Amino acid sequence: MIVRIAGEGQFRIDEACVDRLNELDAEAVTAVEKGEEEKFHEIFARMIEIVRSDGKPLGDDELTVSDVIIPPADTSLEEVRDDFTGEGLIPG
């Protein structure tokens, strides 16, 4: 799967990483639904860190469509309220 962190670049992640992101994504949806901003930011920061640490950055010369676009790390709960609903950002 190809994940883009807005403003940073694209990363290729494996299935194990997708599974971990799915778990955190579900927690983020719950935090957004409950209006728990601090908890959302903690979960969201962990999601981004997993992509950065476990993903393989795509080179600038690789033009690939992203399967998922994660908002920038400094995004607010209000800015992502529509993204973190239902199944969240990560498909599956």
PDB file of N, CA and C in Angstrom:
ATOM      1  N   MET A   1       0.855  -1.166   0.000  1.00  0.00           N
ATOM      2  CA  MET A   1       0.000   0.000   0.000  1.00  0.00           C
ATOM      3  C   MET A   1       0.903   1.231   0.000  1.00  0.00           C
ATOM      4  N   ILE A   2       0.480   2.253  -0.722  1.00  0.00           N
ATOM      5  CA  ILE A   2       1.204   3.518  -0.770  1.00  0.00           C
ATOM      6  C   ILE A   2       0.444   4.545   0.066  1.00  0.00           C
ATOM      7  N   VAL A   3       1.139   5.121   1.040  1.00  0.00           N
ATOM      8  CA  VAL A   3       0.552   6.111   1.934  1.00  0.00           C
ATOM      9  C   VAL A   3       1.290   7.429   1.749  1.00  0.00           C
ATOM     10  N   ARG A   4       0.549   8.499   1.587  1.00  0.00           N
ATOM     11  CA  ARG A   4       1.140   9.833   1.536  1.00  0.00           C
ATOM     12  C   ARG A   4       0.824  10.548   2.842  1.00  0.00           C
ATOM     13  N   ILE A   5       1.849  11.106   3.455  1.00  0.00           N
ATOM     14  CA  ILE A   5       1.642  12.031   4.558  1.00  0.00           C
ATOM     15  C   ILE A   5       1.687  13.412   3.914  1.00  0.00           C
ATOM     16  N   ALA A   6       0.585  14.111   3.959  1.00  0.00           N
ATOM     17  CA  ALA A   6       0.480  15.401   3.285  1.00  0.00           C
ATOM     18  C   ALA A   6       1.626  16.316   3.716  1.00  0.00           C
ATOM     19  N   GLY A   7       2.295  16.867   2.732  1.00  0.00           N
ATOM     20  CA  GLY A   7       3.395  17.780   2.989  1.00  0.00           C
ATOM     21  C   GLY A   7       4.732  17.114   3.233  1.00  0.00           C
ATOM     22  N   GLU A   8       4.756  15.771   3.262  1.00  0.00           N
ATOM     23  CA  GLU A   8       6.012  15.067   3.542  1.00  0.00           C
ATOM     24  C   GLU A   8       6.453  14.149   2.420  1.00  0.00           C
ATOM     25  N   GLY A   9       5.558  13.388   1.862  1.00  0.00           N
ATOM     26  CA  GLY A   9       5.942  12.442   0.826  1.00  0.00           C
ATOM     27  C   GLY A   9       5.182  11.144   0.940  1.00  0.00           C
ATOM     28  N   GLN A  10       5.592  10.185   0.095  1.00  0.00           N
ATOM     29  CA  GLN A  10       4.917   8.893   0.017  1.00  0.00           C
ATOM     30  C   GLN A  10       5.781   7.794   0.624  1.00  0.00           C
ATOM     31  N   PHE A  11       5.103   6.787   1.168  1.00  0.00           N
ATOM     32  CA  PHE A  11       5.777   5.652   1.780  1.00  0.00           C
ATOM     33  C   PHE A  11       5.072   4.368   1.352  1.00  0.00           C
ATOM     34  N   ARG A  12       5.851   3.329   1.121  1.00  0.00           N
ATOM     35  CA  ARG A  12       5.299   2.001   0.840  1.00  0.00           C
ATOM     36  C   ARG A  12       5.279   1.252   2.169  1.00  0.00           C
ATOM     37  N   ILE A  13       4.085   0.738   2.546  1.00  0.00           N
ATOM     38  CA  ILE A  13       3.971  -0.002   3.802  1.00  0.00           C
ATOM     39  C   ILE A  13       3.503  -1.421   3.525  1.00  0.00           C
ATOM     40  N   ASP A  14       3.918  -2.339   4.396  1.00  0.00           N
ATOM     41  CA  ASP A  14       3.533  -3.737   4.222  1.00  0.00           C
ATOM     42  C   ASP A  14       2.224  -4.033   4.953  1.00  0.00           C
ATOM     43  N   GLU A  15       1.748  -5.243   4.812  1.00  0.00           N
ATOM     44  CA  GLU A  15       0.450  -5.639   5.365  1.00  0.00           C
ATOM     45  C   GLU A  15       0.413  -5.560   6.893  1.00  0.00           C
ATOM     46  N   ALA A  16       1.516  -5.911   7.545  1.00  0.00           N
ATOM     47  CA  ALA A  16       1.562  -5.827   9.017  1.00  0.00           C
ATOM     48  C   ALA A  16       1.402  -4.376   9.469  1.00  0.00           C
ATOM     49  N   CYS A  17       2.014  -3.470   8.754  1.00  0.00           N
ATOM     50  CA  CYS A  17       1.898  -2.042   9.066  1.00  0.00           C
ATOM     51  C   CYS A  17       0.463  -1.571   8.826  1.00  0.00           C
ATOM     52  N   VAL A  18      -0.152  -2.039   7.755  1.00  0.00           N
ATOM     53  CA  VAL A  18      -1.545  -1.686   7.462  1.00  0.00           C
ATOM     54  C   VAL A  18      -2.447  -2.142   8.609  1.00  0.00           C
ATOM     55  N   ASP A  19      -2.216  -3.343   9.110  1.00  0.00           N
ATOM     56  CA  ASP A  19      -3.026  -3.866  10.216  1.00  0.00           C
ATOM     57  C   ASP A  19      -2.892  -2.991  11.465  1.00  0.00           C
ATOM     58  N   ARG A  20      -1.658  -2.605  11.791  1.00  0.00           N
ATOM     59  CA  ARG A  20      -1.456  -1.740  12.969  1.00  0.00           C
ATOM     60  C   ARG A  20      -2.113  -0.379  12.764  1.00  0.00           C
ATOM     61  N   LEU A  21      -1.994   0.158  11.551  1.00  0.00           N
ATOM     62  CA  LEU A  21      -2.622   1.446  11.266  1.00  0.00           C
ATOM     63  C   LEU A  21      -4.141   1.354  11.345  1.00  0.00           C
ATOM     64  N   ASN A  22      -4.699   0.230  10.909  1.00  0.00           N
ATOM     65  CA  ASN A  22      -6.147   0.034  10.992  1.00  0.00           C
ATOM     66  C   ASN A  22      -6.640   0.082  12.433  1.00  0.00           C
ATOM     67  N   GLU A  23      -5.902  -0.551  13.325  1.00  0.00           N
ATOM     68  CA  GLU A  23      -6.282  -0.545  14.740  1.00  0.00           C
ATOM     69  C   GLU A  23      -6.272   0.879  15.298  1.00  0.00           C
ATOM     70  N   LEU A  24      -5.197   1.610  15.001  1.00  0.00           N
ATOM     71  CA  LEU A  24      -5.100   2.991  15.477  1.00  0.00           C
ATOM     72  C   LEU A  24      -6.146   3.880  14.815  1.00  0.00           C
ATOM     73  N   ASP A  25      -6.421   3.615  13.548  1.00  0.00           N
ATOM     74  CA  ASP A  25      -7.430   4.380  12.805  1.00  0.00           C
ATOM     75  C   ASP A  25      -8.795   4.246  13.476  1.00  0.00           C
ATOM     76  N   ALA A  26      -9.144   3.035  13.890  1.00  0.00           N
ATOM     77  CA  ALA A  26     -10.420   2.807  14.575  1.00  0.00           C
ATOM     78  C   ALA A  26     -10.457   3.561  15.902  1.00  0.00           C
ATOM     79  N   GLU A  27      -9.332   3.573  16.620  1.00  0.00           N
ATOM     80  CA  GLU A  27      -9.263   4.324  17.879  1.00  0.00           C
ATOM     81  C   GLU A  27      -9.403   5.823  17.622  1.00  0.00           C
ATOM     82  N   ALA A  28      -8.802   6.303  16.534  1.00  0.00           N
ATOM     83  CA  ALA A  28      -8.884   7.724  16.187  1.00  0.00           C
ATOM     84  C   ALA A  28     -10.317   8.119  15.854  1.00  0.00           C
ATOM     85  N   VAL A  29     -11.024   7.256  15.124  1.00  0.00           N
ATOM     86  CA  VAL A  29     -12.431   7.525  14.801  1.00  0.00           C
ATOM     87  C   VAL A  29     -13.231   7.683  16.089  1.00  0.00           C
ATOM     88  N   THR A  30     -13.026   6.783  17.033  1.00  0.00           N
ATOM     89  CA  THR A  30     -13.744   6.848  18.308  1.00  0.00           C
ATOM     90  C   THR A  30     -13.418   8.144  19.044  1.00  0.00           C
ATOM     91  N   ALA A  31     -12.146   8.511  19.076  1.00  0.00           N
ATOM     92  CA  ALA A  31     -11.745   9.745  19.760  1.00  0.00           C
ATOM     93  C   ALA A  31     -12.377  10.969  19.107  1.00  0.00           C
ATOM     94  N   VAL A  32     -12.433  10.980  17.779  1.00  0.00           N
ATOM     95  CA  VAL A  32     -13.052  12.101  17.066  1.00  0.00           C
ATOM     96  C   VAL A  32     -14.543  12.154  17.369  1.00  0.00           C
ATOM     97  N   GLU A  33     -15.202  11.007  17.313  1.00  0.00           N
ATOM     98  CA  GLU A  33     -16.640  10.962  17.582  1.00  0.00           C
ATOM     99  C   GLU A  33     -16.971  11.460  18.986  1.00  0.00           C
ATOM    100  N   LYS A  34     -16.077  11.198  19.955  1.00  0.00           N
ATOM    101  CA  LYS A  34     -16.300  11.617  21.338  1.00  0.00           C
ATOM    102  C   LYS A  34     -15.766  13.018  21.614  1.00  0.00           C
ATOM    103  N   GLY A  35     -15.105  13.623  20.620  1.00  0.00           N
ATOM    104  CA  GLY A  35     -14.548  14.958  20.802  1.00  0.00           C
ATOM    105  C   GLY A  35     -13.339  14.992  21.717  1.00  0.00           C
ATOM    106  N   GLU A  36     -12.627  13.865  21.825  1.00  0.00           N
ATOM    107  CA  GLU A  36     -11.454  13.755  22.698  1.00  0.00           C
ATOM    108  C   GLU A  36     -10.199  14.181  21.931  1.00  0.00           C
ATOM    109  N   GLU A  37      -9.980  15.479  21.898  1.00  0.00           N
ATOM    110  CA  GLU A  37      -8.904  16.031  21.067  1.00  0.00           C
ATOM    111  C   GLU A  37      -7.516  15.550  21.478  1.00  0.00           C
ATOM    112  N   GLU A  38      -7.221  15.563  22.764  1.00  0.00           N
ATOM    113  CA  GLU A  38      -5.898  15.135  23.216  1.00  0.00           C
ATOM    114  C   GLU A  38      -5.632  13.676  22.846  1.00  0.00           C
ATOM    115  N   LYS A  39      -6.612  12.821  23.077  1.00  0.00           N
ATOM    116  CA  LYS A  39      -6.463  11.401  22.729  1.00  0.00           C
ATOM    117  C   LYS A  39      -6.298  11.236  21.230  1.00  0.00           C
ATOM    118  N   PHE A  40      -7.087  11.984  20.448  1.00  0.00           N
ATOM    119  CA  PHE A  40      -6.953  11.917  18.990  1.00  0.00           C
ATOM    120  C   PHE A  40      -5.525  12.255  18.567  1.00  0.00           C
ATOM    121  N   HIS A  41      -4.966  13.345  19.108  1.00  0.00           N
ATOM    122  CA  HIS A  41      -3.620  13.764  18.707  1.00  0.00           C
ATOM    123  C   HIS A  41      -2.565  12.723  19.082  1.00  0.00           C
ATOM    124  N   GLU A  42      -2.736  12.062  20.216  1.00  0.00           N
ATOM    125  CA  GLU A  42      -1.805  10.998  20.607  1.00  0.00           C
ATOM    126  C   GLU A  42      -1.858   9.842  19.602  1.00  0.00           C
ATOM    127  N   ILE A  43      -3.058   9.424  19.256  1.00  0.00           N
ATOM    128  CA  ILE A  43      -3.236   8.307  18.317  1.00  0.00           C
ATOM    129  C   ILE A  43      -2.739   8.698  16.934  1.00  0.00           C
ATOM    130  N   PHE A  44      -3.096   9.890  16.489  1.00  0.00           N
ATOM    131  CA  PHE A  44      -2.709  10.366  15.167  1.00  0.00           C
ATOM    132  C   PHE A  44      -1.185  10.463  15.045  1.00  0.00           C
ATOM    133  N   ALA A  45      -0.523  10.938  16.097  1.00  0.00           N
ATOM    134  CA  ALA A  45       0.940  11.016  16.099  1.00  0.00           C
ATOM    135  C   ALA A  45       1.556   9.623  15.984  1.00  0.00           C
ATOM    136  N   ARG A  46       0.961   8.632  16.655  1.00  0.00           N
ATOM    137  CA  ARG A  46       1.458   7.250  16.554  1.00  0.00           C
ATOM    138  C   ARG A  46       1.278   6.715  15.138  1.00  0.00           C
ATOM    139  N   MET A  47       0.151   7.043  14.501  1.00  0.00           N
ATOM    140  CA  MET A  47      -0.078   6.598  13.120  1.00  0.00           C
ATOM    141  C   MET A  47       1.002   7.144  12.188  1.00  0.00           C
ATOM    142  N   ILE A  48       1.268   8.422  12.310  1.00  0.00           N
ATOM    143  CA  ILE A  48       2.273   9.040  11.443  1.00  0.00           C
ATOM    144  C   ILE A  48       3.654   8.461  11.730  1.00  0.00           C
ATOM    145  N   GLU A  49       3.976   8.249  12.993  1.00  0.00           N
ATOM    146  CA  GLU A  49       5.274   7.688  13.347  1.00  0.00           C
ATOM    147  C   GLU A  49       5.449   6.283  12.777  1.00  0.00           C
ATOM    148  N   ILE A  50       4.397   5.483  12.790  1.00  0.00           N
ATOM    149  CA  ILE A  50       4.483   4.136  12.213  1.00  0.00           C
ATOM    150  C   ILE A  50       4.785   4.213  10.726  1.00  0.00           C
ATOM    151  N   VAL A  51       4.111   5.098  10.017  1.00  0.00           N
ATOM    152  CA  VAL A  51       4.364   5.239   8.575  1.00  0.00           C
ATOM    153  C   VAL A  51       5.798   5.686   8.342  1.00  0.00           C
ATOM    154  N   ARG A  52       6.267   6.664   9.097  1.00  0.00           N
ATOM    155  CA  ARG A  52       7.635   7.173   8.930  1.00  0.00           C
ATOM    156  C   ARG A  52       8.684   6.113   9.262  1.00  0.00           C
ATOM    157  N   SER A  53       8.464   5.370  10.356  1.00  0.00           N
ATOM    158  CA  SER A  53       9.495   4.431  10.810  1.00  0.00           C
ATOM    159  C   SER A  53       9.453   3.089  10.085  1.00  0.00           C
ATOM    160  N   ASP A  54       8.259   2.608   9.772  1.00  0.00           N
ATOM    161  CA  ASP A  54       8.151   1.283   9.161  1.00  0.00           C
ATOM    162  C   ASP A  54       7.983   1.315   7.650  1.00  0.00           C
ATOM    163  N   GLY A  55       7.547   2.456   7.117  1.00  0.00           N
ATOM    164  CA  GLY A  55       7.362   2.572   5.682  1.00  0.00           C
ATOM    165  C   GLY A  55       8.680   2.837   4.981  1.00  0.00           C
ATOM    166  N   LYS A  56       8.700   2.507   3.701  1.00  0.00           N
ATOM    167  CA  LYS A  56       9.872   2.781   2.877  1.00  0.00           C
ATOM    168  C   LYS A  56       9.549   3.999   2.017  1.00  0.00           C
ATOM    169  N   PRO A  57      10.298   5.091   2.195  1.00  0.00           N
ATOM    170  CA  PRO A  57      10.012   6.297   1.417  1.00  0.00           C
ATOM    171  C   PRO A  57      10.173   6.033  -0.084  1.00  0.00           C
ATOM    172  N   LEU A  58       9.244   6.538  -0.871  1.00  0.00           N
ATOM    173  CA  LEU A  58       9.358   6.449  -2.317  1.00  0.00           C
ATOM    174  C   LEU A  58      10.272   7.578  -2.785  1.00  0.00           C
ATOM    175  N   GLY A  59      11.054   7.285  -3.781  1.00  0.00           N
ATOM    176  CA  GLY A  59      11.954   8.294  -4.327  1.00  0.00           C
ATOM    177  C   GLY A  59      11.179   9.390  -5.036  1.00  0.00           C
ATOM    178  N   ASP A  60      11.793  10.544  -5.148  1.00  0.00           N
ATOM    179  CA  ASP A  60      11.155  11.671  -5.819  1.00  0.00           C
ATOM    180  C   ASP A  60      10.859  11.366  -7.282  1.00  0.00           C
ATOM    181  N   ASP A  61      11.591  10.421  -7.853  1.00  0.00           N
ATOM    182  CA  ASP A  61      11.393  10.069  -9.258  1.00  0.00           C
ATOM    183  C   ASP A  61      10.296   9.022  -9.466  1.00  0.00           C
ATOM    184  N   GLU A  62       9.746   8.472  -8.382  1.00  0.00           N
ATOM    185  CA  GLU A  62       8.661   7.491  -8.471  1.00  0.00           C
ATOM    186  C   GLU A  62       7.315   8.207  -8.457  1.00  0.00           C
ATOM    187  N   LEU A  63       6.577   8.084  -9.542  1.00  0.00           N
ATOM    188  CA  LEU A  63       5.247   8.688  -9.624  1.00  0.00           C
ATOM    189  C   LEU A  63       4.219   7.593  -9.433  1.00  0.00           C
ATOM    190  N   THR A  64       3.639   7.540  -8.242  1.00  0.00           N
ATOM    191  CA  THR A  64       2.690   6.497  -7.883  1.00  0.00           C
ATOM    192  C   THR A  64       1.484   7.125  -7.200  1.00  0.00           C
ATOM    193  N   VAL A  65       0.312   6.622  -7.537  1.00  0.00           N
ATOM    194  CA  VAL A  65      -0.911   7.096  -6.896  1.00  0.00           C
ATOM    195  C   VAL A  65      -0.944   6.577  -5.464  1.00  0.00           C
ATOM    196  N   SER A  66      -1.298   7.440  -4.541  1.00  0.00           N
ATOM    197  CA  SER A  66      -1.393   7.057  -3.130  1.00  0.00           C
ATOM    198  C   SER A  66      -2.717   6.339  -2.877  1.00  0.00           C
ATOM    199  N   ASP A  67      -2.659   5.248  -2.106  1.00  0.00           N
ATOM    200  CA  ASP A  67      -3.871   4.544  -1.699  1.00  0.00           C
ATOM    201  C   ASP A  67      -4.560   5.286  -0.557  1.00  0.00           C
ATOM    202  N   VAL A  68      -3.757   5.960   0.277  1.00  0.00           N
ATOM    203  CA  VAL A  68      -4.257   6.688   1.436  1.00  0.00           C
ATOM    204  C   VAL A  68      -3.467   7.984   1.561  1.00  0.00           C
ATOM    205  N   ILE A  69      -4.158   9.061   1.892  1.00  0.00           N
ATOM    206  CA  ILE A  69      -3.484  10.324   2.187  1.00  0.00           C
ATOM    207  C   ILE A  69      -3.800  10.687   3.630  1.00  0.00           C
ATOM    208  N   ILE A  70      -2.738  10.753   4.431  1.00  0.00           N
ATOM    209  CA  ILE A  70      -2.874  11.118   5.836  1.00  0.00           C
ATOM    210  C   ILE A  70      -2.644  12.622   5.939  1.00  0.00           C
ATOM    211  N   PRO A  71      -3.516  13.322   6.627  1.00  0.00           N
ATOM    212  CA  PRO A  71      -3.328  14.772   6.789  1.00  0.00           C
ATOM    213  C   PRO A  71      -1.988  15.079   7.464  1.00  0.00           C
ATOM    214  N   PRO A  72      -1.522  16.325   7.368  1.00  0.00           N
ATOM    215  CA  PRO A  72      -0.259  16.689   8.013  1.00  0.00           C
ATOM    216  C   PRO A  72      -0.317  16.501   9.526  1.00  0.00           C
ATOM    217  N   ALA A  73       0.851  16.326  10.113  1.00  0.00           N
ATOM    218  CA  ALA A  73       0.950  16.041  11.547  1.00  0.00           C
ATOM    219  C   ALA A  73       0.341  17.130  12.424  1.00  0.00           C
ATOM    220  N   ASP A  74       0.329  18.360  11.958  1.00  0.00           N
ATOM    221  CA  ASP A  74      -0.169  19.461  12.781  1.00  0.00           C
ATOM    222  C   ASP A  74      -1.654  19.763  12.565  1.00  0.00           C
ATOM    223  N   THR A  75      -2.363  18.841  11.971  1.00  0.00           N
ATOM    224  CA  THR A  75      -3.783  19.049  11.705  1.00  0.00           C
ATOM    225  C   THR A  75      -4.599  19.056  12.999  1.00  0.00           C
ATOM    226  N   SER A  76      -5.696  19.778  12.993  1.00  0.00           N
ATOM    227  CA  SER A  76      -6.549  19.834  14.187  1.00  0.00           C
ATOM    228  C   SER A  76      -7.679  18.810  14.088  1.00  0.00           C
ATOM    229  N   LEU A  77      -8.289  18.548  15.214  1.00  0.00           N
ATOM    230  CA  LEU A  77      -9.416  17.619  15.247  1.00  0.00           C
ATOM    231  C   LEU A  77     -10.537  18.117  14.329  1.00  0.00           C
ATOM    232  N   GLU A  78     -10.804  19.396  14.351  1.00  0.00           N
ATOM    233  CA  GLU A  78     -11.861  19.954  13.496  1.00  0.00           C
ATOM    234  C   GLU A  78     -11.561  19.748  12.021  1.00  0.00           C
ATOM    235  N   GLU A  79     -10.285  19.877  11.631  1.00  0.00           N
ATOM    236  CA  GLU A  79      -9.902  19.725  10.232  1.00  0.00           C
ATOM    237  C   GLU A  79     -10.085  18.295   9.726  1.00  0.00           C
ATOM    238  N   VAL A  80     -10.006  17.323  10.615  1.00  0.00           N
ATOM    239  CA  VAL A  80     -10.100  15.923  10.187  1.00  0.00           C
ATOM    240  C   VAL A  80     -11.409  15.256  10.581  1.00  0.00           C
ATOM    241  N   ARG A  81     -12.314  16.017  11.153  1.00  0.00           N
ATOM    242  CA  ARG A  81     -13.582  15.437  11.618  1.00  0.00           C
ATOM    243  C   ARG A  81     -14.275  14.628  10.518  1.00  0.00           C
ATOM    244  N   ASP A  82     -14.267  15.103   9.287  1.00  0.00           N
ATOM    245  CA  ASP A  82     -14.929  14.385   8.192  1.00  0.00           C
ATOM    246  C   ASP A  82     -14.139  13.173   7.715  1.00  0.00           C
ATOM    247  N   ASP A  83     -12.798  13.201   7.910  1.00  0.00           N
ATOM    248  CA  ASP A  83     -11.966  12.078   7.478  1.00  0.00           C
ATOM    249  C   ASP A  83     -12.036  10.888   8.419  1.00  0.00           C
ATOM    250  N   PHE A  84     -12.120  11.159   9.703  1.00  0.00           N
ATOM    251  CA  PHE A  84     -12.128  10.092  10.702  1.00  0.00           C
ATOM    252  C   PHE A  84     -13.555   9.775  11.138  1.00  0.00           C
ATOM    253  N   THR A  85     -14.317   9.231  10.204  1.00  0.00           N
ATOM    254  CA  THR A  85     -15.674   8.769  10.465  1.00  0.00           C
ATOM    255  C   THR A  85     -15.827   7.378   9.862  1.00  0.00           C
ATOM    256  N   GLY A  86     -16.847   6.673  10.254  1.00  0.00           N
ATOM    257  CA  GLY A  86     -17.089   5.347   9.670  1.00  0.00           C
ATOM    258  C   GLY A  86     -15.877   4.457   9.794  1.00  0.00           C
ATOM    259  N   GLU A  87     -15.309   4.071   8.644  1.00  0.00           N
ATOM    260  CA  GLU A  87     -14.167   3.178   8.623  1.00  0.00           C
ATOM    261  C   GLU A  87     -12.834   3.917   8.771  1.00  0.00           C
ATOM    262  N   GLY A  88     -12.858   5.244   8.792  1.00  0.00           N
ATOM    263  CA  GLY A  88     -11.643   6.016   8.965  1.00  0.00           C
ATOM    264  C   GLY A  88     -10.863   6.195   7.679  1.00  0.00           C
ATOM    265  N   LEU A  89      -9.570   6.437   7.810  1.00  0.00           N
ATOM    266  CA  LEU A  89      -8.704   6.712   6.658  1.00  0.00           C
ATOM    267  C   LEU A  89      -8.202   5.468   5.964  1.00  0.00           C
ATOM    268  N   ILE A  90      -7.852   4.450   6.740  1.00  0.00           N
ATOM    269  CA  ILE A  90      -7.171   3.270   6.221  1.00  0.00           C
ATOM    270  C   ILE A  90      -8.198   2.240   5.781  1.00  0.00           C
ATOM    271  N   PRO A  91      -8.206   1.873   4.491  1.00  0.00           N
ATOM    272  CA  PRO A  91      -9.169   0.879   4.021  1.00  0.00           C
ATOM    273  C   PRO A  91      -8.870  -0.509   4.595  1.00  0.00           C
ATOM    274  N   GLY A  92      -9.926  -1.250   4.818  1.00  0.00           N
ATOM    275  CA  GLY A  92      -9.736  -2.618   5.253  1.00  0.00           C
ATOM    276  C   GLY A  92     -10.324  -2.842   6.545  1.00  0.00           C
TER     277      GLY A  92
END
